[in-house]
């Protein structure tokens, strides 16, 4: 990218959400940041350029004071329609927490839903049915399957489990019983009829 990217994106917004604490393991004096960004994206945390690459990245803070709140300014630059754009967001975080930042399609819920459906359609028919029943990632339970790419399938004690991305695999495998309990909870919740 050019040295200074100031153009604002038109197609995507930079989003940050906290990953439920029961879903990930983070040292009590550190902050974990997970990223879902384009392969060519550049990421800065507190104006310091990061060196990792790929669509899924994980960052850990140095040791911090437990219980204290910190603000991390995250800036992501990526190519959009042939030119570089960038967006900045601030995460309010505490040690022991994990936050995920990702690009979400800017637009209407219908457009966002179309992206999810397109990613789910890339799964085999039987896997797509299971992913639709699960609906959300078992680790990042606020993230719909298909929202950040094609869902990742793993087997946990012989049961298929879908994750929003490869970054969640290690967390899901760390405690199989917890993962399967969350899977059961998600399926039960998604099977309930919507309230009138």
N, C-alpha and C. Protein backbone atom coordinates (compact mmCIF):
# COMPACT_ATOMS: atom_id res chain seq x y z
N UNK A 1 0.84 -1.20 0.00
CA UNK A 1 0.00 0.00 0.00
C UNK A 1 0.87 1.25 0.00
N UNK A 2 0.28 2.36 -0.37
CA UNK A 2 1.04 3.60 -0.27
C UNK A 2 1.36 3.92 1.19
N UNK A 3 2.32 4.80 1.40
CA UNK A 3 2.76 5.13 2.77
C UNK A 3 1.61 5.64 3.62
N UNK A 4 0.75 6.45 3.06
CA UNK A 4 -0.39 6.98 3.81
C UNK A 4 -1.67 6.66 3.06
N UNK A 5 -2.52 5.87 3.68
CA UNK A 5 -3.80 5.53 3.06
C UNK A 5 -4.87 6.29 3.82
N UNK A 6 -5.54 7.19 3.12
CA UNK A 6 -6.56 8.00 3.80
C UNK A 6 -7.95 7.82 3.21
N UNK A 7 -8.04 7.16 2.06
CA UNK A 7 -9.35 6.98 1.43
C UNK A 7 -10.23 6.08 2.30
N UNK A 8 -11.48 6.47 2.44
CA UNK A 8 -12.43 5.70 3.24
C UNK A 8 -13.02 4.57 2.40
N UNK A 9 -13.26 3.42 3.01
CA UNK A 9 -13.87 2.31 2.27
C UNK A 9 -15.33 2.60 1.95
N UNK A 10 -15.78 2.05 0.84
CA UNK A 10 -17.18 2.19 0.44
C UNK A 10 -17.96 0.90 0.64
N UNK A 11 -17.25 -0.23 0.60
CA UNK A 11 -17.95 -1.52 0.62
C UNK A 11 -17.96 -2.21 1.97
N UNK A 12 -16.98 -1.88 2.83
CA UNK A 12 -16.87 -2.60 4.10
C UNK A 12 -16.65 -1.66 5.26
N UNK A 13 -17.09 -2.10 6.43
CA UNK A 13 -16.88 -1.36 7.68
C UNK A 13 -16.00 -2.21 8.59
N UNK A 14 -15.19 -1.57 9.41
CA UNK A 14 -14.36 -2.27 10.38
C UNK A 14 -15.16 -2.43 11.67
N UNK A 15 -15.36 -3.67 12.07
CA UNK A 15 -16.16 -3.97 13.25
C UNK A 15 -15.28 -4.61 14.32
N UNK A 16 -15.64 -4.40 15.58
CA UNK A 16 -14.93 -5.03 16.70
C UNK A 16 -15.98 -5.60 17.65
N UNK A 17 -15.79 -6.84 18.06
CA UNK A 17 -16.71 -7.43 19.04
C UNK A 17 -15.92 -8.27 20.03
N UNK A 18 -16.44 -8.35 21.23
CA UNK A 18 -15.79 -9.16 22.25
C UNK A 18 -16.21 -10.61 22.08
N UNK A 19 -15.24 -11.50 22.17
CA UNK A 19 -15.52 -12.93 22.11
C UNK A 19 -15.88 -13.36 23.53
N UNK A 20 -16.97 -14.13 23.70
CA UNK A 20 -17.36 -14.54 25.06
C UNK A 20 -16.20 -15.20 25.79
N UNK A 21 -16.01 -14.81 27.04
CA UNK A 21 -14.84 -15.28 27.81
C UNK A 21 -14.84 -16.79 28.00
N UNK A 22 -16.02 -17.40 28.05
CA UNK A 22 -16.05 -18.85 28.23
C UNK A 22 -15.63 -19.59 26.97
N UNK A 23 -15.53 -18.89 25.85
CA UNK A 23 -15.21 -19.54 24.58
C UNK A 23 -13.72 -19.57 24.26
N UNK A 24 -12.94 -18.71 24.90
CA UNK A 24 -11.52 -18.63 24.57
C UNK A 24 -10.67 -18.65 25.83
N UNK A 25 -9.44 -19.06 25.66
CA UNK A 25 -8.52 -19.01 26.79
C UNK A 25 -7.53 -17.88 26.55
N UNK A 26 -7.49 -16.97 27.51
CA UNK A 26 -6.58 -15.83 27.44
C UNK A 26 -5.94 -15.70 28.81
N UNK A 27 -4.64 -15.47 28.83
CA UNK A 27 -3.96 -15.26 30.10
C UNK A 27 -4.59 -14.07 30.80
N UNK A 28 -4.70 -14.09 32.14
CA UNK A 28 -5.40 -13.02 32.85
C UNK A 28 -4.72 -11.66 32.76
N UNK A 29 -3.45 -11.63 32.35
CA UNK A 29 -2.76 -10.34 32.25
C UNK A 29 -2.49 -9.94 30.79
N UNK A 30 -3.21 -10.56 29.87
CA UNK A 30 -3.01 -10.25 28.45
C UNK A 30 -4.34 -10.04 27.75
N UNK A 31 -4.26 -9.42 26.60
CA UNK A 31 -5.42 -9.23 25.73
C UNK A 31 -5.13 -9.95 24.43
N UNK A 32 -6.11 -10.68 23.95
CA UNK A 32 -5.96 -11.35 22.66
C UNK A 32 -6.86 -10.64 21.65
N UNK A 33 -6.31 -10.37 20.48
CA UNK A 33 -7.08 -9.80 19.38
C UNK A 33 -7.04 -10.79 18.23
N UNK A 34 -8.21 -11.12 17.72
CA UNK A 34 -8.32 -11.99 16.55
C UNK A 34 -8.78 -11.12 15.39
N UNK A 35 -8.24 -11.38 14.21
CA UNK A 35 -8.58 -10.56 13.05
C UNK A 35 -9.03 -11.41 11.88
N UNK A 36 -10.06 -10.93 11.19
CA UNK A 36 -10.51 -11.50 9.92
C UNK A 36 -10.42 -10.35 8.92
N UNK A 37 -9.41 -10.38 8.10
CA UNK A 37 -9.15 -9.27 7.17
C UNK A 37 -8.74 -9.84 5.81
N UNK A 38 -8.79 -9.03 4.76
CA UNK A 38 -8.31 -9.52 3.46
C UNK A 38 -6.84 -9.94 3.55
N UNK A 39 -6.48 -10.90 2.72
CA UNK A 39 -5.13 -11.46 2.73
C UNK A 39 -4.05 -10.38 2.61
N UNK A 40 -4.29 -9.38 1.79
CA UNK A 40 -3.29 -8.33 1.55
C UNK A 40 -3.37 -7.17 2.53
N UNK A 41 -4.28 -7.24 3.49
CA UNK A 41 -4.49 -6.12 4.40
C UNK A 41 -3.26 -5.85 5.26
N UNK A 42 -3.12 -4.60 5.64
CA UNK A 42 -2.10 -4.18 6.60
C UNK A 42 -2.82 -3.76 7.87
N UNK A 43 -2.24 -4.12 9.01
CA UNK A 43 -2.88 -3.83 10.30
C UNK A 43 -1.90 -3.07 11.19
N UNK A 44 -2.41 -2.03 11.83
CA UNK A 44 -1.65 -1.27 12.82
C UNK A 44 -2.42 -1.33 14.13
N UNK A 45 -1.72 -1.56 15.22
CA UNK A 45 -2.32 -1.50 16.55
C UNK A 45 -1.56 -0.43 17.31
N UNK A 46 -2.28 0.60 17.74
CA UNK A 46 -1.66 1.75 18.39
C UNK A 46 -0.55 2.34 17.52
N UNK A 47 -0.84 2.50 16.24
CA UNK A 47 0.09 3.08 15.26
C UNK A 47 1.34 2.24 15.01
N UNK A 48 1.43 1.06 15.59
CA UNK A 48 2.57 0.18 15.34
C UNK A 48 2.17 -0.83 14.27
N UNK A 49 2.91 -0.88 13.16
CA UNK A 49 2.55 -1.85 12.12
C UNK A 49 2.77 -3.28 12.62
N UNK A 50 1.87 -4.17 12.26
CA UNK A 50 2.03 -5.58 12.59
C UNK A 50 2.66 -6.28 11.39
N UNK A 51 3.20 -7.46 11.62
CA UNK A 51 3.90 -8.16 10.54
C UNK A 51 3.19 -9.41 10.06
N UNK A 52 2.17 -9.86 10.77
CA UNK A 52 1.50 -11.09 10.35
C UNK A 52 0.71 -10.85 9.07
N UNK A 53 0.49 -11.94 8.35
CA UNK A 53 -0.25 -11.87 7.08
C UNK A 53 -1.32 -12.94 7.07
N UNK A 54 -2.15 -12.92 6.05
CA UNK A 54 -3.20 -13.91 5.90
C UNK A 54 -4.56 -13.34 6.27
N UNK A 55 -5.58 -14.12 6.03
CA UNK A 55 -6.94 -13.64 6.29
C UNK A 55 -7.35 -13.77 7.75
N UNK A 56 -6.67 -14.63 8.48
CA UNK A 56 -6.96 -14.80 9.91
C UNK A 56 -5.66 -14.60 10.68
N UNK A 57 -5.71 -13.70 11.65
CA UNK A 57 -4.51 -13.36 12.40
C UNK A 57 -4.84 -13.26 13.88
N UNK A 58 -3.85 -13.53 14.72
CA UNK A 58 -4.04 -13.44 16.17
C UNK A 58 -2.92 -12.58 16.74
N UNK A 59 -3.29 -11.65 17.61
CA UNK A 59 -2.33 -10.77 18.26
C UNK A 59 -2.51 -10.89 19.77
N UNK A 60 -1.40 -10.87 20.51
CA UNK A 60 -1.46 -10.88 21.98
C UNK A 60 -0.70 -9.68 22.51
N UNK A 61 -1.24 -9.10 23.55
CA UNK A 61 -0.59 -7.95 24.18
C UNK A 61 0.57 -8.42 25.05
N UNK A 62 1.45 -7.50 25.40
CA UNK A 62 2.43 -7.81 26.45
C UNK A 62 1.68 -7.90 27.78
N UNK A 63 2.34 -8.32 28.85
CA UNK A 63 1.65 -8.37 30.16
C UNK A 63 1.10 -6.99 30.55
N UNK A 64 -0.13 -7.00 31.06
CA UNK A 64 -0.82 -5.76 31.45
C UNK A 64 -1.35 -5.90 32.87
N UNK A 65 -1.87 -4.81 33.41
CA UNK A 65 -2.42 -4.81 34.77
C UNK A 65 -3.84 -5.41 34.72
N UNK A 66 -4.06 -6.57 35.35
CA UNK A 66 -5.40 -7.17 35.35
C UNK A 66 -6.43 -6.21 35.94
N UNK A 67 -7.62 -6.19 35.32
CA UNK A 67 -8.71 -5.35 35.80
C UNK A 67 -8.71 -3.94 35.24
N UNK A 68 -7.60 -3.47 34.74
CA UNK A 68 -7.52 -2.12 34.19
C UNK A 68 -8.06 -2.12 32.76
N UNK A 69 -8.77 -1.05 32.39
CA UNK A 69 -9.29 -0.95 31.03
C UNK A 69 -8.29 -0.22 30.14
N UNK A 70 -8.13 -0.74 28.94
CA UNK A 70 -7.22 -0.16 27.96
C UNK A 70 -7.99 0.16 26.69
N UNK A 71 -7.51 1.13 25.94
CA UNK A 71 -8.06 1.44 24.62
C UNK A 71 -7.00 1.10 23.59
N UNK A 72 -7.37 0.31 22.62
CA UNK A 72 -6.47 -0.01 21.51
C UNK A 72 -7.07 0.57 20.24
N UNK A 73 -6.29 1.39 19.57
CA UNK A 73 -6.70 1.90 18.27
C UNK A 73 -6.18 0.94 17.21
N UNK A 74 -7.10 0.44 16.43
CA UNK A 74 -6.77 -0.53 15.38
C UNK A 74 -7.05 0.13 14.03
N UNK A 75 -6.08 0.05 13.14
CA UNK A 75 -6.28 0.57 11.79
C UNK A 75 -5.98 -0.54 10.81
N UNK A 76 -6.85 -0.68 9.84
CA UNK A 76 -6.68 -1.69 8.80
C UNK A 76 -6.74 -0.99 7.45
N UNK A 77 -5.80 -1.32 6.58
CA UNK A 77 -5.80 -0.83 5.20
C UNK A 77 -5.88 -2.04 4.28
N UNK A 78 -6.68 -1.91 3.23
CA UNK A 78 -6.85 -3.02 2.30
C UNK A 78 -7.21 -2.48 0.92
N UNK A 79 -6.97 -3.29 -0.12
CA UNK A 79 -7.34 -2.85 -1.47
C UNK A 79 -8.84 -3.05 -1.70
N UNK A 80 -9.46 -2.02 -2.26
CA UNK A 80 -10.89 -2.09 -2.58
C UNK A 80 -11.08 -1.45 -3.95
N UNK A 81 -11.55 -2.23 -4.89
CA UNK A 81 -11.77 -1.75 -6.26
C UNK A 81 -10.53 -1.10 -6.87
N UNK A 82 -9.38 -1.72 -6.63
CA UNK A 82 -8.16 -1.26 -7.28
C UNK A 82 -7.41 -0.15 -6.58
N UNK A 83 -7.91 0.34 -5.45
CA UNK A 83 -7.15 1.35 -4.71
C UNK A 83 -7.23 1.03 -3.22
N UNK A 84 -6.26 1.55 -2.48
CA UNK A 84 -6.17 1.25 -1.06
C UNK A 84 -7.10 2.15 -0.25
N UNK A 85 -7.75 1.54 0.73
CA UNK A 85 -8.62 2.28 1.65
C UNK A 85 -8.22 1.89 3.07
N UNK A 86 -8.61 2.68 4.04
CA UNK A 86 -8.32 2.30 5.42
C UNK A 86 -9.44 2.76 6.35
N UNK A 87 -9.52 2.07 7.46
CA UNK A 87 -10.52 2.38 8.47
C UNK A 87 -9.90 2.15 9.84
N UNK A 88 -10.31 2.96 10.79
CA UNK A 88 -9.78 2.88 12.14
C UNK A 88 -10.94 2.66 13.11
N UNK A 89 -10.68 1.91 14.16
CA UNK A 89 -11.68 1.69 15.20
C UNK A 89 -10.94 1.57 16.53
N UNK A 90 -11.66 1.85 17.61
CA UNK A 90 -11.08 1.77 18.95
C UNK A 90 -11.76 0.65 19.72
N UNK A 91 -10.95 -0.21 20.31
CA UNK A 91 -11.46 -1.30 21.14
C UNK A 91 -11.20 -0.96 22.60
N UNK A 92 -12.24 -1.01 23.41
CA UNK A 92 -12.10 -0.87 24.87
C UNK A 92 -11.95 -2.28 25.42
N UNK A 93 -10.79 -2.57 25.99
CA UNK A 93 -10.47 -3.94 26.36
C UNK A 93 -9.88 -4.02 27.76
N UNK A 94 -9.97 -5.22 28.34
CA UNK A 94 -9.35 -5.49 29.64
C UNK A 94 -8.56 -6.78 29.53
N UNK A 95 -7.48 -6.90 30.29
CA UNK A 95 -6.73 -8.16 30.29
C UNK A 95 -7.65 -9.34 30.60
N UNK A 96 -7.36 -10.45 29.95
CA UNK A 96 -8.19 -11.64 30.11
C UNK A 96 -9.29 -11.72 29.07
N UNK A 97 -9.42 -10.66 28.26
CA UNK A 97 -10.47 -10.64 27.23
C UNK A 97 -9.88 -10.92 25.85
N UNK A 98 -10.77 -11.37 24.98
CA UNK A 98 -10.44 -11.55 23.57
C UNK A 98 -11.45 -10.75 22.76
N UNK A 99 -10.94 -9.98 21.82
CA UNK A 99 -11.80 -9.21 20.92
C UNK A 99 -11.46 -9.59 19.49
N UNK A 100 -12.45 -9.55 18.65
CA UNK A 100 -12.27 -9.88 17.25
C UNK A 100 -12.56 -8.64 16.41
N UNK A 101 -11.67 -8.34 15.47
CA UNK A 101 -12.00 -7.26 14.53
C UNK A 101 -12.03 -7.85 13.13
N UNK A 102 -12.96 -7.33 12.36
CA UNK A 102 -13.23 -7.91 11.05
C UNK A 102 -13.90 -6.87 10.16
N UNK A 103 -13.87 -7.16 8.88
CA UNK A 103 -14.55 -6.29 7.93
C UNK A 103 -15.93 -6.87 7.67
N UNK A 104 -16.91 -6.02 7.77
CA UNK A 104 -18.28 -6.44 7.50
C UNK A 104 -18.80 -5.62 6.33
N UNK A 105 -19.48 -6.28 5.46
CA UNK A 105 -20.02 -5.59 4.30
C UNK A 105 -20.90 -4.43 4.75
N UNK A 106 -20.61 -3.26 4.21
CA UNK A 106 -21.46 -2.11 4.48
C UNK A 106 -22.70 -2.28 3.60
N UNK A 107 -23.81 -2.01 4.14
CA UNK A 107 -25.03 -2.15 3.34
C UNK A 107 -26.19 -2.60 4.19
N UNK A 108 -27.22 -2.99 3.50
CA UNK A 108 -28.45 -3.37 4.17
C UNK A 108 -28.34 -4.78 4.74
N UNK A 109 -29.21 -5.12 5.68
CA UNK A 109 -29.22 -6.50 6.19
C UNK A 109 -29.43 -7.52 5.07
N UNK A 110 -30.19 -7.15 4.05
CA UNK A 110 -30.42 -8.07 2.93
C UNK A 110 -29.11 -8.35 2.20
N UNK A 111 -28.29 -7.32 1.99
CA UNK A 111 -26.99 -7.51 1.32
C UNK A 111 -26.06 -8.36 2.18
N UNK A 112 -26.04 -8.10 3.49
CA UNK A 112 -25.20 -8.88 4.39
C UNK A 112 -25.66 -10.33 4.42
N UNK A 113 -26.97 -10.54 4.45
CA UNK A 113 -27.52 -11.88 4.45
C UNK A 113 -27.15 -12.61 3.15
N UNK A 114 -27.10 -11.89 2.06
CA UNK A 114 -26.72 -12.50 0.77
C UNK A 114 -25.28 -13.01 0.83
N UNK A 115 -24.39 -12.26 1.48
CA UNK A 115 -23.00 -12.71 1.64
C UNK A 115 -22.94 -14.00 2.46
N UNK A 116 -23.70 -14.05 3.55
CA UNK A 116 -23.72 -15.24 4.40
C UNK A 116 -24.23 -16.43 3.60
N UNK A 117 -25.32 -16.24 2.89
CA UNK A 117 -25.89 -17.35 2.09
C UNK A 117 -24.91 -17.81 1.03
N UNK A 118 -24.20 -16.88 0.41
CA UNK A 118 -23.22 -17.25 -0.62
C UNK A 118 -22.09 -18.09 -0.03
N UNK A 119 -21.64 -17.73 1.17
CA UNK A 119 -20.57 -18.52 1.81
C UNK A 119 -21.08 -19.88 2.26
N UNK A 120 -22.29 -19.95 2.78
CA UNK A 120 -22.86 -21.24 3.18
C UNK A 120 -23.08 -22.14 1.96
N UNK A 121 -23.40 -21.54 0.83
CA UNK A 121 -23.64 -22.31 -0.40
C UNK A 121 -22.37 -23.00 -0.90
N UNK A 122 -21.22 -22.56 -0.43
CA UNK A 122 -19.96 -23.17 -0.84
C UNK A 122 -19.69 -24.48 -0.08
N UNK A 123 -20.49 -24.76 0.94
CA UNK A 123 -20.37 -26.02 1.67
C UNK A 123 -21.09 -27.13 0.91
N UNK A 124 -20.71 -28.37 1.18
CA UNK A 124 -21.44 -29.51 0.64
C UNK A 124 -22.87 -29.45 1.19
N UNK A 125 -23.87 -29.94 0.43
CA UNK A 125 -25.27 -29.82 0.87
C UNK A 125 -25.54 -30.31 2.29
N UNK A 126 -24.97 -31.46 2.67
CA UNK A 126 -25.23 -31.97 4.03
C UNK A 126 -24.56 -31.08 5.09
N UNK A 127 -23.39 -30.53 4.77
CA UNK A 127 -22.73 -29.62 5.70
C UNK A 127 -23.48 -28.29 5.79
N UNK A 128 -23.97 -27.83 4.67
CA UNK A 128 -24.73 -26.56 4.67
C UNK A 128 -25.95 -26.68 5.59
N UNK A 129 -26.64 -27.83 5.51
CA UNK A 129 -27.82 -28.04 6.36
C UNK A 129 -27.44 -27.99 7.84
N UNK A 130 -26.34 -28.66 8.19
CA UNK A 130 -25.88 -28.66 9.58
C UNK A 130 -25.45 -27.26 10.03
N UNK A 131 -24.75 -26.55 9.17
CA UNK A 131 -24.31 -25.18 9.50
C UNK A 131 -25.51 -24.26 9.68
N UNK A 132 -26.52 -24.43 8.85
CA UNK A 132 -27.73 -23.59 8.98
C UNK A 132 -28.47 -23.89 10.28
N UNK A 133 -28.43 -25.15 10.72
CA UNK A 133 -29.06 -25.50 12.00
C UNK A 133 -28.28 -24.89 13.17
N UNK A 134 -26.96 -24.85 13.05
CA UNK A 134 -26.12 -24.29 14.10
C UNK A 134 -26.18 -22.76 14.08
N UNK A 135 -26.12 -22.17 12.93
CA UNK A 135 -26.27 -20.74 12.64
C UNK A 135 -25.11 -19.84 13.10
N UNK A 136 -24.57 -20.06 14.29
CA UNK A 136 -23.50 -19.21 14.82
C UNK A 136 -22.27 -20.05 15.17
N UNK A 137 -21.13 -19.40 15.18
CA UNK A 137 -19.87 -20.04 15.57
C UNK A 137 -19.95 -20.44 17.05
N UNK A 138 -19.40 -21.61 17.41
CA UNK A 138 -19.43 -22.03 18.82
C UNK A 138 -18.42 -21.25 19.67
N UNK A 139 -17.41 -20.65 19.05
CA UNK A 139 -16.43 -19.87 19.80
C UNK A 139 -16.86 -18.40 19.84
N UNK A 140 -17.03 -17.82 18.67
CA UNK A 140 -17.48 -16.42 18.59
C UNK A 140 -18.99 -16.46 18.36
N UNK A 141 -19.72 -16.68 19.43
CA UNK A 141 -21.14 -17.01 19.33
C UNK A 141 -22.03 -15.86 18.85
N UNK A 142 -21.46 -14.68 18.66
CA UNK A 142 -22.22 -13.58 18.05
C UNK A 142 -21.97 -13.49 16.55
N UNK A 143 -21.09 -14.34 16.04
CA UNK A 143 -20.73 -14.29 14.63
C UNK A 143 -21.49 -15.35 13.85
N UNK A 144 -22.37 -14.91 12.94
CA UNK A 144 -23.09 -15.90 12.12
C UNK A 144 -22.12 -16.68 11.24
N UNK A 145 -22.38 -17.96 11.10
CA UNK A 145 -21.57 -18.77 10.19
C UNK A 145 -21.74 -18.22 8.78
N UNK A 146 -20.64 -17.99 8.10
CA UNK A 146 -20.67 -17.42 6.76
C UNK A 146 -20.45 -15.92 6.73
N UNK A 147 -20.43 -15.28 7.89
CA UNK A 147 -20.27 -13.81 7.92
C UNK A 147 -18.85 -13.38 7.58
N UNK A 148 -17.86 -14.22 7.88
CA UNK A 148 -16.47 -13.83 7.62
C UNK A 148 -15.79 -14.78 6.64
N UNK A 149 -16.57 -15.51 5.88
CA UNK A 149 -16.04 -16.45 4.91
C UNK A 149 -16.76 -17.78 5.02
N UNK A 150 -16.25 -18.76 4.30
CA UNK A 150 -16.85 -20.09 4.32
C UNK A 150 -16.59 -20.71 5.70
N UNK A 151 -17.63 -21.23 6.37
CA UNK A 151 -17.42 -21.83 7.69
C UNK A 151 -16.43 -23.00 7.64
N UNK A 152 -15.75 -23.20 8.76
CA UNK A 152 -14.77 -24.28 8.90
C UNK A 152 -15.43 -25.41 9.69
N UNK A 153 -15.32 -26.62 9.16
CA UNK A 153 -15.90 -27.79 9.83
C UNK A 153 -14.81 -28.57 10.55
N UNK A 154 -15.06 -28.89 11.82
CA UNK A 154 -14.17 -29.79 12.55
C UNK A 154 -15.03 -30.89 13.17
N UNK A 155 -14.39 -31.97 13.55
CA UNK A 155 -15.09 -33.04 14.24
C UNK A 155 -14.67 -33.02 15.70
N UNK A 156 -15.65 -33.01 16.59
CA UNK A 156 -15.40 -33.01 18.03
C UNK A 156 -16.14 -34.22 18.61
N UNK A 157 -15.37 -35.17 19.09
CA UNK A 157 -15.94 -36.41 19.63
C UNK A 157 -16.94 -37.02 18.65
N UNK A 158 -16.57 -37.02 17.38
CA UNK A 158 -17.40 -37.64 16.35
C UNK A 158 -18.56 -36.79 15.85
N UNK A 159 -18.70 -35.58 16.37
CA UNK A 159 -19.79 -34.70 15.94
C UNK A 159 -19.24 -33.55 15.10
N UNK A 160 -19.92 -33.23 13.99
CA UNK A 160 -19.48 -32.08 13.20
C UNK A 160 -19.82 -30.77 13.90
N UNK A 161 -18.84 -29.89 13.94
CA UNK A 161 -19.01 -28.57 14.55
C UNK A 161 -18.50 -27.55 13.53
N UNK A 162 -19.24 -26.47 13.36
CA UNK A 162 -18.84 -25.44 12.41
C UNK A 162 -18.36 -24.19 13.15
N UNK A 163 -17.32 -23.60 12.60
CA UNK A 163 -16.70 -22.41 13.17
C UNK A 163 -16.68 -21.32 12.12
N UNK A 164 -16.62 -20.07 12.57
CA UNK A 164 -16.61 -18.97 11.60
C UNK A 164 -15.30 -18.91 10.83
N UNK A 165 -14.21 -19.43 11.43
CA UNK A 165 -12.90 -19.32 10.78
C UNK A 165 -11.91 -20.30 11.39
N UNK A 166 -10.75 -20.42 10.76
CA UNK A 166 -9.70 -21.32 11.26
C UNK A 166 -9.14 -20.85 12.60
N UNK A 167 -9.21 -19.55 12.86
CA UNK A 167 -8.68 -19.01 14.11
C UNK A 167 -9.38 -19.63 15.32
N UNK A 168 -10.61 -20.05 15.16
CA UNK A 168 -11.39 -20.60 16.28
C UNK A 168 -11.14 -22.09 16.52
N UNK A 169 -10.43 -22.75 15.62
CA UNK A 169 -10.25 -24.21 15.73
C UNK A 169 -9.58 -24.59 17.05
N UNK A 170 -8.47 -23.96 17.38
CA UNK A 170 -7.73 -24.31 18.59
C UNK A 170 -8.60 -24.15 19.83
N UNK A 171 -9.35 -23.05 19.88
CA UNK A 171 -10.22 -22.81 21.04
C UNK A 171 -11.31 -23.88 21.13
N UNK A 172 -11.88 -24.24 20.00
CA UNK A 172 -12.96 -25.24 20.00
C UNK A 172 -12.44 -26.62 20.41
N UNK A 173 -11.21 -26.93 20.03
CA UNK A 173 -10.64 -28.24 20.35
C UNK A 173 -10.09 -28.30 21.77
N UNK A 174 -9.84 -27.16 22.40
CA UNK A 174 -9.24 -27.13 23.73
C UNK A 174 -10.13 -27.77 24.79
N UNK A 175 -11.44 -27.61 24.67
CA UNK A 175 -12.37 -28.17 25.65
C UNK A 175 -13.55 -28.77 24.89
N UNK A 176 -13.42 -30.02 24.43
CA UNK A 176 -14.47 -30.63 23.61
C UNK A 176 -15.85 -30.63 24.27
N UNK A 177 -15.91 -30.89 25.57
CA UNK A 177 -17.21 -30.94 26.23
C UNK A 177 -17.89 -29.57 26.21
N UNK A 178 -17.12 -28.52 26.45
CA UNK A 178 -17.67 -27.16 26.41
C UNK A 178 -18.14 -26.82 24.99
N UNK A 179 -17.35 -27.22 24.01
CA UNK A 179 -17.71 -26.96 22.61
C UNK A 179 -19.02 -27.66 22.25
N UNK A 180 -19.15 -28.92 22.65
CA UNK A 180 -20.37 -29.65 22.32
C UNK A 180 -21.58 -29.11 23.09
N UNK A 181 -21.36 -28.64 24.31
CA UNK A 181 -22.46 -28.03 25.07
C UNK A 181 -22.93 -26.75 24.37
N UNK A 182 -21.98 -25.96 23.87
CA UNK A 182 -22.34 -24.73 23.16
C UNK A 182 -23.05 -25.06 21.85
N UNK A 183 -22.59 -26.10 21.17
CA UNK A 183 -23.26 -26.54 19.94
C UNK A 183 -24.71 -26.92 20.22
N UNK A 184 -24.92 -27.68 21.27
CA UNK A 184 -26.28 -28.10 21.65
C UNK A 184 -27.14 -26.87 21.97
N UNK A 185 -26.55 -25.93 22.70
CA UNK A 185 -27.27 -24.70 23.06
C UNK A 185 -27.65 -23.90 21.80
N UNK A 186 -26.72 -23.76 20.87
CA UNK A 186 -26.99 -23.00 19.65
C UNK A 186 -28.08 -23.67 18.81
N UNK A 187 -28.00 -24.98 18.67
CA UNK A 187 -29.01 -25.69 17.87
C UNK A 187 -30.39 -25.57 18.51
N UNK A 188 -30.44 -25.68 19.84
CA UNK A 188 -31.73 -25.57 20.54
C UNK A 188 -32.30 -24.16 20.38
N UNK A 189 -31.44 -23.17 20.53
CA UNK A 189 -31.87 -21.78 20.41
C UNK A 189 -32.38 -21.48 19.00
N UNK A 190 -31.69 -22.00 18.00
CA UNK A 190 -32.07 -21.73 16.62
C UNK A 190 -33.27 -22.54 16.17
N UNK A 191 -33.60 -23.59 16.92
CA UNK A 191 -34.78 -24.40 16.59
C UNK A 191 -36.06 -23.80 17.15
N UNK A 192 -35.91 -22.86 18.10
CA UNK A 192 -37.09 -22.23 18.70
C UNK A 192 -37.78 -21.34 17.67
N UNK A 193 -39.12 -21.37 17.64
CA UNK A 193 -39.82 -20.47 16.72
C UNK A 193 -39.64 -19.03 17.18
N UNK A 194 -39.57 -18.09 16.23
CA UNK A 194 -39.42 -16.69 16.62
C UNK A 194 -40.65 -16.20 17.38
N UNK A 195 -40.47 -15.28 18.34
CA UNK A 195 -41.62 -14.77 19.10
C UNK A 195 -42.54 -13.95 18.19
N UNK A 196 -43.82 -13.98 18.52
CA UNK A 196 -44.80 -13.20 17.73
C UNK A 196 -44.86 -11.78 18.19
